[in-house]
Amino acid sequence: MSLASILEPLQQPLFTVLDTPVSWTEVLGFGSGALCVWLVARQHLANWPIGIANNLFFVLLFTQAGLYADAGLQIVFITLAVYGWWTWTHGGGPGSDALPVRRTTRTGRAWLLTAGVVGTLALTLLLDRATDSTVPFWDAVTTALSLMATYGQCRKRLESWWLWIAADVVYVPLYAHKELYLTSLLYLGFMTLCVLGLRGWTRDLTDRRDRVPAGATA
């Protein structure tokens, strides 16, 4: 039995939205993705294994839709998820296992911005010349933003939520353009969860700073 025959049932239509068939892959991606973001907002470790399952569903979905950078991005996400899982449990430093929410330093922001711009330009050229992608720039910019956001999430940097929101603003119309309507709706939901996550992490950071005695470092 080949891998294609095993995966074929996941690609079959489950129902139709606006005359467009929605596959099992898209439905499972919808459910696991929403659960993952909700768990991240609550700083729950289970977000990492759920996120890995979500990435695998989206590899199939995006390959079918011709969003090759987004499909390849899922493999990188899986690698980052393993790193993030370890960091959240071991990155708290001496005397603490849990990693606290922190802000990105000015130097860190500069490096992220540089990496994002260079990555977007390089991916746009690659997708334009080496694939049949019809949206090379938008596929590239969402890929760059998502990688920046995921790295920040692995390190529990507050600004990662702003990067996810920026990516979702592009993802919603991009997936609708590709007739992935359920996924477009999912990312609209992601945007809402990201706002809630941003508020929750900001509150957590503020509370932690308020508990630090005067003269001590947060």
N, C-alpha and C. Protein backbone atom coordinates (compact mmCIF):
# COMPACT_ATOMS: atom_id res chain seq x y z
N MET A 1 0.85 -1.19 0.00
CA MET A 1 0.00 0.00 0.00
C MET A 1 0.89 1.25 0.00
N SER A 2 0.66 2.15 -0.96
CA SER A 2 1.49 3.33 -1.10
C SER A 2 1.03 4.44 -0.16
N LEU A 3 1.92 5.43 0.06
CA LEU A 3 1.57 6.58 0.90
C LEU A 3 0.41 7.36 0.30
N ALA A 4 0.39 7.46 -1.04
CA ALA A 4 -0.67 8.20 -1.72
C ALA A 4 -2.04 7.58 -1.45
N SER A 5 -2.11 6.24 -1.46
CA SER A 5 -3.40 5.57 -1.22
C SER A 5 -3.85 5.73 0.23
N ILE A 6 -2.88 5.81 1.16
CA ILE A 6 -3.23 6.03 2.57
C ILE A 6 -3.79 7.43 2.79
N LEU A 7 -3.18 8.40 2.08
CA LEU A 7 -3.58 9.80 2.27
C LEU A 7 -4.80 10.20 1.45
N GLU A 8 -5.14 9.39 0.47
CA GLU A 8 -6.24 9.74 -0.44
C GLU A 8 -7.55 10.04 0.27
N PRO A 9 -7.95 9.24 1.29
CA PRO A 9 -9.22 9.55 1.98
C PRO A 9 -9.25 10.94 2.60
N LEU A 10 -8.10 11.43 3.07
CA LEU A 10 -8.05 12.76 3.68
C LEU A 10 -8.29 13.86 2.67
N GLN A 11 -8.08 13.56 1.39
CA GLN A 11 -8.23 14.56 0.35
C GLN A 11 -9.63 14.56 -0.26
N GLN A 12 -10.46 13.63 0.20
CA GLN A 12 -11.82 13.55 -0.33
C GLN A 12 -12.70 14.65 0.26
N PRO A 13 -13.64 15.20 -0.53
CA PRO A 13 -14.54 16.26 -0.02
C PRO A 13 -15.43 15.74 1.11
N LEU A 14 -15.57 16.56 2.14
CA LEU A 14 -16.44 16.23 3.27
C LEU A 14 -17.76 16.96 3.14
N PHE A 15 -17.70 18.24 2.73
CA PHE A 15 -18.89 19.03 2.45
C PHE A 15 -18.49 20.17 1.52
N THR A 16 -19.44 21.02 1.16
CA THR A 16 -19.19 22.09 0.20
C THR A 16 -19.50 23.44 0.81
N VAL A 17 -18.63 24.42 0.57
CA VAL A 17 -18.83 25.79 1.02
C VAL A 17 -18.72 26.70 -0.21
N LEU A 18 -19.78 27.45 -0.50
CA LEU A 18 -19.81 28.35 -1.66
C LEU A 18 -19.44 27.61 -2.94
N ASP A 19 -20.04 26.42 -3.11
CA ASP A 19 -19.83 25.57 -4.29
C ASP A 19 -18.39 25.04 -4.40
N THR A 20 -17.64 25.13 -3.32
CA THR A 20 -16.27 24.63 -3.32
C THR A 20 -16.16 23.48 -2.32
N PRO A 21 -15.68 22.29 -2.77
CA PRO A 21 -15.57 21.16 -1.85
C PRO A 21 -14.52 21.40 -0.77
N VAL A 22 -14.83 21.00 0.46
CA VAL A 22 -13.91 21.12 1.59
C VAL A 22 -13.49 19.72 1.99
N SER A 23 -12.17 19.47 2.01
CA SER A 23 -11.65 18.13 2.26
C SER A 23 -11.50 17.86 3.75
N TRP A 24 -11.31 16.57 4.08
CA TRP A 24 -11.01 16.18 5.45
C TRP A 24 -9.74 16.87 5.94
N THR A 25 -8.77 17.02 5.05
CA THR A 25 -7.50 17.66 5.42
C THR A 25 -7.74 19.07 5.93
N GLU A 26 -8.60 19.82 5.20
CA GLU A 26 -8.85 21.20 5.60
C GLU A 26 -9.62 21.26 6.91
N VAL A 27 -10.57 20.34 7.10
CA VAL A 27 -11.36 20.31 8.34
C VAL A 27 -10.46 19.98 9.53
N LEU A 28 -9.61 18.96 9.38
CA LEU A 28 -8.71 18.58 10.47
C LEU A 28 -7.67 19.68 10.74
N GLY A 29 -7.24 20.35 9.68
CA GLY A 29 -6.34 21.48 9.86
C GLY A 29 -7.01 22.61 10.61
N PHE A 30 -8.27 22.84 10.29
CA PHE A 30 -9.07 23.87 10.98
C PHE A 30 -9.14 23.57 12.48
N GLY A 31 -9.55 22.35 12.82
CA GLY A 31 -9.75 22.01 14.24
C GLY A 31 -8.46 22.01 15.04
N SER A 32 -7.42 21.37 14.51
CA SER A 32 -6.16 21.29 15.25
C SER A 32 -5.49 22.66 15.34
N GLY A 33 -5.64 23.48 14.29
CA GLY A 33 -5.05 24.82 14.32
C GLY A 33 -5.69 25.72 15.35
N ALA A 34 -7.02 25.71 15.40
CA ALA A 34 -7.72 26.53 16.39
C ALA A 34 -7.36 26.11 17.81
N LEU A 35 -7.32 24.79 18.05
CA LEU A 35 -6.97 24.28 19.37
C LEU A 35 -5.54 24.68 19.75
N CYS A 36 -4.63 24.60 18.78
CA CYS A 36 -3.23 24.94 19.04
C CYS A 36 -3.07 26.39 19.47
N VAL A 37 -3.68 27.31 18.72
CA VAL A 37 -3.54 28.75 19.05
C VAL A 37 -4.16 29.04 20.42
N TRP A 38 -5.30 28.40 20.72
CA TRP A 38 -5.94 28.60 22.02
C TRP A 38 -5.02 28.14 23.14
N LEU A 39 -4.33 27.02 22.93
CA LEU A 39 -3.41 26.49 23.95
C LEU A 39 -2.18 27.39 24.10
N VAL A 40 -1.69 27.95 22.98
CA VAL A 40 -0.55 28.87 23.06
C VAL A 40 -0.94 30.09 23.89
N ALA A 41 -2.13 30.63 23.63
CA ALA A 41 -2.59 31.80 24.37
C ALA A 41 -2.64 31.52 25.87
N ARG A 42 -2.94 30.27 26.23
CA ARG A 42 -3.00 29.89 27.64
C ARG A 42 -1.66 29.37 28.17
N GLN A 43 -0.62 29.46 27.32
CA GLN A 43 0.73 29.00 27.68
C GLN A 43 0.73 27.53 28.11
N HIS A 44 -0.06 26.72 27.42
CA HIS A 44 -0.17 25.29 27.74
C HIS A 44 0.78 24.50 26.84
N LEU A 45 1.56 23.61 27.45
CA LEU A 45 2.55 22.83 26.70
C LEU A 45 1.96 21.95 25.61
N ALA A 46 0.70 21.58 25.75
CA ALA A 46 0.09 20.69 24.76
C ALA A 46 -0.03 21.36 23.39
N ASN A 47 0.19 22.67 23.33
CA ASN A 47 0.11 23.34 22.03
C ASN A 47 1.14 22.78 21.05
N TRP A 48 2.29 22.28 21.56
CA TRP A 48 3.36 21.84 20.66
C TRP A 48 2.99 20.54 19.93
N PRO A 49 2.57 19.46 20.60
CA PRO A 49 2.19 18.26 19.83
C PRO A 49 0.96 18.49 18.95
N ILE A 50 -0.01 19.29 19.44
CA ILE A 50 -1.18 19.60 18.62
C ILE A 50 -0.74 20.38 17.38
N GLY A 51 0.20 21.30 17.58
CA GLY A 51 0.70 22.10 16.47
C GLY A 51 1.41 21.25 15.42
N ILE A 52 2.15 20.25 15.86
CA ILE A 52 2.84 19.37 14.91
C ILE A 52 1.83 18.61 14.05
N ALA A 53 0.76 18.12 14.67
CA ALA A 53 -0.30 17.45 13.91
C ALA A 53 -0.91 18.42 12.90
N ASN A 54 -1.14 19.66 13.32
CA ASN A 54 -1.69 20.68 12.44
C ASN A 54 -0.78 20.93 11.24
N ASN A 55 0.52 20.98 11.49
CA ASN A 55 1.50 21.20 10.41
C ASN A 55 1.43 20.10 9.37
N LEU A 56 1.28 18.86 9.81
CA LEU A 56 1.22 17.73 8.88
C LEU A 56 -0.02 17.82 7.98
N PHE A 57 -1.15 18.20 8.55
CA PHE A 57 -2.36 18.37 7.74
C PHE A 57 -2.18 19.47 6.70
N PHE A 58 -1.52 20.55 7.10
CA PHE A 58 -1.36 21.68 6.20
C PHE A 58 -0.31 21.42 5.11
N VAL A 59 0.64 20.52 5.36
CA VAL A 59 1.57 20.13 4.29
C VAL A 59 0.77 19.59 3.10
N LEU A 60 -0.18 18.71 3.39
CA LEU A 60 -1.02 18.13 2.34
C LEU A 60 -1.88 19.18 1.67
N LEU A 61 -2.52 20.01 2.49
CA LEU A 61 -3.47 20.99 1.97
C LEU A 61 -2.79 22.02 1.07
N PHE A 62 -1.66 22.56 1.53
CA PHE A 62 -1.00 23.63 0.78
C PHE A 62 -0.32 23.11 -0.48
N THR A 63 0.16 21.88 -0.45
CA THR A 63 0.75 21.29 -1.65
C THR A 63 -0.31 21.17 -2.74
N GLN A 64 -1.50 20.74 -2.35
CA GLN A 64 -2.61 20.63 -3.30
C GLN A 64 -2.99 21.99 -3.88
N ALA A 65 -2.89 23.04 -3.06
CA ALA A 65 -3.32 24.38 -3.48
C ALA A 65 -2.23 25.15 -4.22
N GLY A 66 -1.03 24.58 -4.32
CA GLY A 66 0.05 25.27 -5.01
C GLY A 66 0.72 26.34 -4.18
N LEU A 67 0.51 26.32 -2.86
CA LEU A 67 1.18 27.26 -1.96
C LEU A 67 2.43 26.57 -1.41
N TYR A 68 3.46 26.53 -2.25
CA TYR A 68 4.61 25.68 -1.95
C TYR A 68 5.45 26.20 -0.79
N ALA A 69 5.59 27.52 -0.69
CA ALA A 69 6.35 28.06 0.44
C ALA A 69 5.64 27.75 1.75
N ASP A 70 4.32 27.87 1.77
CA ASP A 70 3.56 27.56 2.98
C ASP A 70 3.66 26.07 3.31
N ALA A 71 3.68 25.21 2.27
CA ALA A 71 3.82 23.77 2.51
C ALA A 71 5.20 23.46 3.11
N GLY A 72 6.24 24.03 2.53
CA GLY A 72 7.58 23.82 3.07
C GLY A 72 7.74 24.42 4.45
N LEU A 73 7.02 25.51 4.68
CA LEU A 73 7.08 26.19 5.99
C LEU A 73 6.63 25.25 7.11
N GLN A 74 5.69 24.36 6.81
CA GLN A 74 5.18 23.46 7.84
C GLN A 74 6.28 22.53 8.37
N ILE A 75 7.21 22.14 7.48
CA ILE A 75 8.33 21.29 7.91
C ILE A 75 9.22 22.05 8.88
N VAL A 76 9.45 23.33 8.57
CA VAL A 76 10.24 24.18 9.46
C VAL A 76 9.50 24.35 10.79
N PHE A 77 8.18 24.52 10.72
CA PHE A 77 7.37 24.65 11.93
C PHE A 77 7.53 23.43 12.84
N ILE A 78 7.55 22.25 12.25
CA ILE A 78 7.70 21.04 13.05
C ILE A 78 9.03 21.04 13.79
N THR A 79 10.08 21.46 13.10
CA THR A 79 11.41 21.56 13.73
C THR A 79 11.39 22.59 14.85
N LEU A 80 10.78 23.75 14.59
CA LEU A 80 10.70 24.79 15.61
C LEU A 80 9.82 24.35 16.78
N ALA A 81 8.80 23.53 16.49
CA ALA A 81 7.92 23.06 17.56
C ALA A 81 8.70 22.19 18.55
N VAL A 82 9.58 21.35 18.03
CA VAL A 82 10.41 20.52 18.91
C VAL A 82 11.29 21.42 19.78
N TYR A 83 11.88 22.43 19.14
CA TYR A 83 12.72 23.39 19.87
C TYR A 83 11.90 24.16 20.91
N GLY A 84 10.72 24.64 20.50
CA GLY A 84 9.87 25.40 21.41
C GLY A 84 9.39 24.58 22.58
N TRP A 85 9.05 23.33 22.32
CA TRP A 85 8.61 22.42 23.37
C TRP A 85 9.69 22.28 24.44
N TRP A 86 10.94 22.07 23.98
CA TRP A 86 12.05 21.95 24.92
C TRP A 86 12.30 23.28 25.66
N THR A 87 12.26 24.39 24.94
CA THR A 87 12.56 25.69 25.53
C THR A 87 11.54 26.08 26.59
N TRP A 88 10.27 25.80 26.32
CA TRP A 88 9.22 26.17 27.28
C TRP A 88 9.38 25.40 28.59
N THR A 89 9.98 24.23 28.53
CA THR A 89 10.12 23.43 29.75
C THR A 89 11.50 23.54 30.40
N HIS A 90 12.49 24.00 29.65
CA HIS A 90 13.86 24.05 30.19
C HIS A 90 14.53 25.42 30.08
N GLY A 91 13.82 26.40 29.55
CA GLY A 91 14.48 27.67 29.26
C GLY A 91 14.30 28.77 30.28
N GLY A 92 13.83 28.41 31.47
CA GLY A 92 13.57 29.43 32.48
C GLY A 92 14.80 29.93 33.20
N GLY A 93 15.91 29.27 33.01
CA GLY A 93 17.13 29.71 33.68
C GLY A 93 17.26 29.10 35.07
N PRO A 94 18.32 29.49 35.82
CA PRO A 94 18.57 28.93 37.16
C PRO A 94 17.38 29.13 38.09
N GLY A 95 16.99 28.06 38.77
CA GLY A 95 15.91 28.16 39.75
C GLY A 95 14.52 28.07 39.18
N SER A 96 14.39 27.93 37.84
CA SER A 96 13.07 27.87 37.24
C SER A 96 13.11 27.02 35.98
N ASP A 97 12.16 26.12 35.83
CA ASP A 97 12.08 25.31 34.62
C ASP A 97 11.24 25.99 33.54
N ALA A 98 10.22 26.75 33.97
CA ALA A 98 9.29 27.37 33.02
C ALA A 98 9.88 28.64 32.43
N LEU A 99 9.65 28.83 31.13
CA LEU A 99 10.13 30.03 30.44
C LEU A 99 9.13 31.16 30.64
N PRO A 100 9.54 32.33 31.14
CA PRO A 100 8.60 33.44 31.34
C PRO A 100 8.38 34.23 30.06
N VAL A 101 7.27 34.95 30.00
CA VAL A 101 7.00 35.86 28.89
C VAL A 101 7.94 37.06 29.00
N ARG A 102 8.55 37.42 27.89
CA ARG A 102 9.46 38.57 27.87
C ARG A 102 9.26 39.38 26.60
N ARG A 103 9.83 40.59 26.58
CA ARG A 103 9.80 41.42 25.38
C ARG A 103 11.08 41.19 24.57
N THR A 104 10.99 41.42 23.26
CA THR A 104 12.15 41.29 22.39
C THR A 104 13.04 42.53 22.56
N THR A 105 14.34 42.32 22.63
CA THR A 105 15.27 43.44 22.78
C THR A 105 15.34 44.24 21.47
N ARG A 106 15.89 45.43 21.54
CA ARG A 106 16.03 46.26 20.34
C ARG A 106 16.91 45.57 19.31
N THR A 107 18.00 44.95 19.77
CA THR A 107 18.87 44.21 18.86
C THR A 107 18.14 43.04 18.22
N GLY A 108 17.35 42.34 19.04
CA GLY A 108 16.58 41.21 18.53
C GLY A 108 15.59 41.64 17.47
N ARG A 109 14.93 42.79 17.67
CA ARG A 109 13.97 43.30 16.68
C ARG A 109 14.67 43.64 15.37
N ALA A 110 15.86 44.23 15.47
CA ALA A 110 16.61 44.59 14.26
C ALA A 110 16.99 43.35 13.45
N TRP A 111 17.45 42.30 14.16
CA TRP A 111 17.81 41.06 13.48
C TRP A 111 16.60 40.40 12.84
N LEU A 112 15.48 40.39 13.55
CA LEU A 112 14.26 39.80 13.00
C LEU A 112 13.78 40.53 11.76
N LEU A 113 13.81 41.87 11.82
CA LEU A 113 13.37 42.67 10.67
C LEU A 113 14.26 42.39 9.46
N THR A 114 15.57 42.37 9.69
CA THR A 114 16.51 42.11 8.60
C THR A 114 16.27 40.72 7.99
N ALA A 115 16.13 39.72 8.86
CA ALA A 115 15.89 38.36 8.39
C ALA A 115 14.58 38.26 7.62
N GLY A 116 13.56 38.99 8.10
CA GLY A 116 12.25 38.96 7.44
C GLY A 116 12.30 39.56 6.04
N VAL A 117 12.98 40.70 5.89
CA VAL A 117 13.07 41.35 4.58
C VAL A 117 13.87 40.50 3.61
N VAL A 118 15.05 40.03 4.06
CA VAL A 118 15.89 39.19 3.20
C VAL A 118 15.16 37.90 2.83
N GLY A 119 14.52 37.27 3.81
CA GLY A 119 13.80 36.04 3.54
C GLY A 119 12.66 36.22 2.55
N THR A 120 11.92 37.33 2.68
CA THR A 120 10.81 37.60 1.76
C THR A 120 11.31 37.78 0.34
N LEU A 121 12.37 38.56 0.16
CA LEU A 121 12.91 38.80 -1.18
C LEU A 121 13.44 37.50 -1.80
N ALA A 122 14.19 36.72 -1.01
CA ALA A 122 14.76 35.48 -1.53
C ALA A 122 13.67 34.48 -1.91
N LEU A 123 12.66 34.34 -1.04
CA LEU A 123 11.58 33.40 -1.33
C LEU A 123 10.74 33.84 -2.53
N THR A 124 10.53 35.14 -2.66
CA THR A 124 9.76 35.64 -3.81
C THR A 124 10.45 35.28 -5.11
N LEU A 125 11.76 35.49 -5.17
CA LEU A 125 12.52 35.14 -6.38
C LEU A 125 12.48 33.64 -6.64
N LEU A 126 12.67 32.86 -5.57
CA LEU A 126 12.66 31.40 -5.73
C LEU A 126 11.31 30.90 -6.23
N LEU A 127 10.23 31.36 -5.63
CA LEU A 127 8.89 30.90 -6.02
C LEU A 127 8.53 31.36 -7.43
N ASP A 128 8.97 32.56 -7.77
CA ASP A 128 8.65 33.12 -9.08
C ASP A 128 9.37 32.35 -10.19
N ARG A 129 10.60 31.93 -9.91
CA ARG A 129 11.41 31.31 -10.97
C ARG A 129 11.37 29.79 -10.96
N ALA A 130 11.12 29.19 -9.81
CA ALA A 130 11.26 27.73 -9.71
C ALA A 130 9.93 27.00 -9.55
N THR A 131 8.82 27.71 -9.37
CA THR A 131 7.52 27.05 -9.18
C THR A 131 6.46 27.71 -10.06
N ASP A 132 5.27 27.12 -10.06
CA ASP A 132 4.16 27.73 -10.81
C ASP A 132 3.25 28.53 -9.88
N SER A 133 3.78 29.00 -8.76
CA SER A 133 2.99 29.79 -7.80
C SER A 133 2.42 31.03 -8.49
N THR A 134 1.14 31.29 -8.26
CA THR A 134 0.50 32.48 -8.83
C THR A 134 0.58 33.68 -7.89
N VAL A 135 1.06 33.44 -6.67
CA VAL A 135 1.15 34.53 -5.68
C VAL A 135 2.51 34.48 -4.98
N PRO A 136 3.61 34.58 -5.72
CA PRO A 136 4.93 34.37 -5.10
C PRO A 136 5.25 35.34 -3.97
N PHE A 137 4.93 36.64 -4.16
CA PHE A 137 5.27 37.61 -3.11
C PHE A 137 4.47 37.36 -1.85
N TRP A 138 3.15 37.18 -2.00
CA TRP A 138 2.29 37.01 -0.83
C TRP A 138 2.58 35.70 -0.12
N ASP A 139 2.90 34.67 -0.88
CA ASP A 139 3.29 33.39 -0.27
C ASP A 139 4.59 33.57 0.52
N ALA A 140 5.51 34.36 -0.05
CA ALA A 140 6.80 34.58 0.60
C ALA A 140 6.68 35.43 1.86
N VAL A 141 5.90 36.51 1.79
CA VAL A 141 5.83 37.42 2.94
C VAL A 141 5.13 36.75 4.13
N THR A 142 4.11 35.95 3.85
CA THR A 142 3.45 35.24 4.95
C THR A 142 4.36 34.17 5.55
N THR A 143 5.18 33.57 4.69
CA THR A 143 6.15 32.58 5.18
C THR A 143 7.15 33.25 6.12
N ALA A 144 7.69 34.40 5.69
CA ALA A 144 8.68 35.11 6.51
C ALA A 144 8.08 35.56 7.84
N LEU A 145 6.88 36.14 7.79
CA LEU A 145 6.22 36.59 9.01
C LEU A 145 5.95 35.43 9.96
N SER A 146 5.52 34.31 9.41
CA SER A 146 5.19 33.15 10.24
C SER A 146 6.43 32.57 10.91
N LEU A 147 7.54 32.54 10.18
CA LEU A 147 8.78 32.04 10.77
C LEU A 147 9.26 32.96 11.90
N MET A 148 9.17 34.27 11.67
CA MET A 148 9.56 35.23 12.71
C MET A 148 8.67 35.06 13.93
N ALA A 149 7.37 34.91 13.70
CA ALA A 149 6.42 34.78 14.81
C ALA A 149 6.64 33.48 15.58
N THR A 150 6.90 32.39 14.85
CA THR A 150 7.09 31.10 15.51
C THR A 150 8.35 31.11 16.37
N TYR A 151 9.42 31.71 15.85
CA TYR A 151 10.64 31.80 16.65
C TYR A 151 10.38 32.59 17.93
N GLY A 152 9.65 33.70 17.79
CA GLY A 152 9.32 34.50 18.97
C GLY A 152 8.45 33.73 19.95
N GLN A 153 7.54 32.92 19.41
CA GLN A 153 6.67 32.09 20.27
C GLN A 153 7.50 31.06 21.02
N CYS A 154 8.50 30.48 20.34
CA CYS A 154 9.38 29.51 21.00
C CYS A 154 10.11 30.13 22.18
N ARG A 155 10.43 31.41 22.07
CA ARG A 155 11.16 32.11 23.12
C ARG A 155 10.21 32.87 24.06
N LYS A 156 8.90 32.73 23.85
CA LYS A 156 7.87 33.44 24.63
C LYS A 156 8.08 34.95 24.60
N ARG A 157 8.31 35.47 23.39
CA ARG A 157 8.44 36.91 23.22
C ARG A 157 7.06 37.49 22.91
N LEU A 158 6.70 38.53 23.62
CA LEU A 158 5.37 39.13 23.49
C LEU A 158 5.08 39.56 22.05
N GLU A 159 6.09 40.09 21.37
CA GLU A 159 5.90 40.63 20.02
C GLU A 159 5.54 39.57 18.98
N SER A 160 5.71 38.29 19.34
CA SER A 160 5.34 37.24 18.39
C SER A 160 3.87 37.32 18.01
N TRP A 161 3.02 37.77 18.94
CA TRP A 161 1.59 37.90 18.65
C TRP A 161 1.33 38.96 17.58
N TRP A 162 2.07 40.06 17.63
CA TRP A 162 1.90 41.11 16.61
C TRP A 162 2.29 40.58 15.23
N LEU A 163 3.34 39.77 15.18
CA LEU A 163 3.76 39.18 13.91
C LEU A 163 2.72 38.20 13.38
N TRP A 164 2.11 37.41 14.28
CA TRP A 164 1.04 36.50 13.85
C TRP A 164 -0.16 37.28 13.33
N ILE A 165 -0.52 38.37 13.99
CA ILE A 165 -1.65 39.18 13.54
C ILE A 165 -1.38 39.74 12.15
N ALA A 166 -0.15 40.24 11.93
CA ALA A 166 0.22 40.78 10.62
C ALA A 166 0.13 39.69 9.54
N ALA A 167 0.61 38.48 9.88
CA ALA A 167 0.54 37.37 8.92
C ALA A 167 -0.91 37.00 8.61
N ASP A 168 -1.76 36.97 9.64
CA ASP A 168 -3.16 36.59 9.46
C ASP A 168 -3.92 37.60 8.59
N VAL A 169 -3.55 38.88 8.69
CA VAL A 169 -4.19 39.92 7.86
C VAL A 169 -3.99 39.61 6.38
N VAL A 170 -2.85 39.01 6.04
CA VAL A 170 -2.57 38.62 4.65
C VAL A 170 -3.15 37.24 4.34
N TYR A 171 -3.05 36.32 5.30
CA TYR A 171 -3.51 34.95 5.07
C TYR A 171 -5.00 34.88 4.74
N VAL A 172 -5.83 35.66 5.41
CA VAL A 172 -7.29 35.55 5.23
C VAL A 172 -7.69 35.76 3.77
N PRO A 173 -7.31 36.89 3.14
CA PRO A 173 -7.68 37.05 1.72
C PRO A 173 -6.91 36.12 0.78
N LEU A 174 -5.68 35.74 1.16
CA LEU A 174 -4.88 34.86 0.30
C LEU A 174 -5.53 33.49 0.17
N TYR A 175 -5.98 32.92 1.28
CA TYR A 175 -6.61 31.60 1.22
C TYR A 175 -7.99 31.66 0.57
N ALA A 176 -8.69 32.77 0.75
CA ALA A 176 -9.97 32.93 0.06
C ALA A 176 -9.74 32.99 -1.45
N HIS A 177 -8.67 33.67 -1.86
CA HIS A 177 -8.32 33.75 -3.28
C HIS A 177 -8.03 32.37 -3.85
N LYS A 178 -7.45 31.49 -3.03
CA LYS A 178 -7.14 30.12 -3.45
C LYS A 178 -8.33 29.18 -3.24
N GLU A 179 -9.49 29.74 -2.87
CA GLU A 179 -10.72 28.98 -2.64
C GLU A 179 -10.61 28.00 -1.48
N LEU A 180 -9.73 28.31 -0.54
CA LEU A 180 -9.64 27.55 0.71
C LEU A 180 -10.45 28.31 1.76
N TYR A 181 -11.76 28.29 1.58
CA TYR A 181 -12.62 29.18 2.37
C TYR A 181 -12.64 28.82 3.85
N LEU A 182 -12.63 27.54 4.15
CA LEU A 182 -12.63 27.13 5.56
C LEU A 182 -11.32 27.55 6.23
N THR A 183 -10.21 27.40 5.49
CA THR A 183 -8.92 27.81 6.04
C THR A 183 -8.86 29.33 6.20
N SER A 184 -9.45 30.06 5.28
CA SER A 184 -9.53 31.51 5.40
C SER A 184 -10.31 31.90 6.65
N LEU A 185 -11.42 31.19 6.90
CA LEU A 185 -12.21 31.43 8.10
C LEU A 185 -11.41 31.08 9.35
N LEU A 186 -10.65 29.98 9.27
CA LEU A 186 -9.80 29.57 10.38
C LEU A 186 -8.82 30.68 10.76
N TYR A 187 -8.20 31.28 9.75
CA TYR A 187 -7.22 32.32 10.04
C TYR A 187 -7.86 33.60 10.54
N LEU A 188 -9.13 33.82 10.20
CA LEU A 188 -9.86 34.93 10.80
C LEU A 188 -10.05 34.66 12.29
N GLY A 189 -10.35 33.39 12.60
CA GLY A 189 -10.44 32.99 14.01
C GLY A 189 -9.10 33.08 14.70
N PHE A 190 -8.01 32.70 13.98
CA PHE A 190 -6.67 32.83 14.54
C PHE A 190 -6.39 34.26 14.96
N MET A 191 -6.83 35.20 14.10
CA MET A 191 -6.57 36.61 14.38
C MET A 191 -7.21 37.01 15.71
N THR A 192 -8.43 36.54 15.92
CA THR A 192 -9.13 36.84 17.18
C THR A 192 -8.40 36.21 18.37
N LEU A 193 -7.98 34.94 18.20
CA LEU A 193 -7.25 34.27 19.27
C LEU A 193 -5.90 34.94 19.53
N CYS A 194 -5.29 35.47 18.47
CA CYS A 194 -4.01 36.17 18.65
C CYS A 194 -4.17 37.43 19.48
N VAL A 195 -5.26 38.15 19.26
CA VAL A 195 -5.54 39.35 20.06
C VAL A 195 -5.72 38.96 21.52
N LEU A 196 -6.46 37.87 21.76
CA LEU A 196 -6.65 37.39 23.13
C LEU A 196 -5.32 36.91 23.73
N GLY A 197 -4.51 36.24 22.92
CA GLY A 197 -3.20 35.80 23.39
C GLY A 197 -2.30 36.96 23.73
N LEU A 198 -2.33 38.00 22.91
CA LEU A 198 -1.53 39.20 23.17
C LEU A 198 -1.94 39.84 24.49
N ARG A 199 -3.25 39.92 24.72
CA ARG A 199 -3.73 40.51 25.97
C ARG A 199 -3.32 39.65 27.17
N GLY A 200 -3.44 38.32 27.03
CA GLY A 200 -3.09 37.43 28.13
C GLY A 200 -1.62 37.47 28.46
N TRP A 201 -0.76 37.44 27.44
CA TRP A 201 0.68 37.47 27.67
C TRP A 201 1.11 38.82 28.22
N THR A 202 0.46 39.91 27.76
CA THR A 202 0.79 41.24 28.29
C THR A 202 0.44 41.32 29.77
N ARG A 203 -0.71 40.77 30.13
CA ARG A 203 -1.13 40.76 31.54
C ARG A 203 -0.17 39.92 32.38
N ASP A 204 0.25 38.78 31.84
CA ASP A 204 1.19 37.91 32.55
C ASP A 204 2.53 38.63 32.76
N LEU A 205 3.00 39.33 31.74
CA LEU A 205 4.27 40.07 31.85
C LEU A 205 4.16 41.19 32.87
N THR A 206 3.04 41.91 32.85
CA THR A 206 2.83 43.01 33.79
C THR A 206 2.76 42.50 35.22
N ASP A 207 2.01 41.39 35.42
CA ASP A 207 1.88 40.82 36.77
C ASP A 207 3.23 40.35 37.30
N ARG A 208 4.03 39.75 36.43
CA ARG A 208 5.33 39.25 36.87
C ARG A 208 6.26 40.40 37.27
N ARG A 209 6.20 41.48 36.50
CA ARG A 209 7.01 42.65 36.83
C ARG A 209 6.57 43.30 38.13
N ASP A 210 5.25 43.28 38.36
CA ASP A 210 4.73 43.88 39.61
C ASP A 210 5.17 43.09 40.84
N ARG A 211 5.43 41.77 40.62
CA ARG A 211 5.83 40.92 41.75
C ARG A 211 7.32 41.02 42.06
N VAL A 212 8.08 41.63 41.12
CA VAL A 212 9.53 41.73 41.32
C VAL A 212 9.81 42.85 42.33
N PRO A 213 10.58 42.59 43.38
CA PRO A 213 10.89 43.61 44.37
C PRO A 213 11.67 44.76 43.74
N ALA A 214 11.53 45.96 44.31
CA ALA A 214 12.22 47.13 43.81
C ALA A 214 13.72 46.88 43.82
N GLY A 215 14.37 47.27 42.73
CA GLY A 215 15.81 47.09 42.63
C GLY A 215 16.22 45.76 42.01
N ALA A 216 15.26 44.83 41.87
CA ALA A 216 15.59 43.54 41.27
C ALA A 216 15.31 43.61 39.78
N THR A 217 15.85 42.62 39.03
CA THR A 217 15.65 42.59 37.58
C THR A 217 14.54 41.62 37.23
N ALA A 218 13.64 42.03 36.32
CA ALA A 218 12.53 41.15 35.91
C ALA A 218 13.03 40.07 34.99
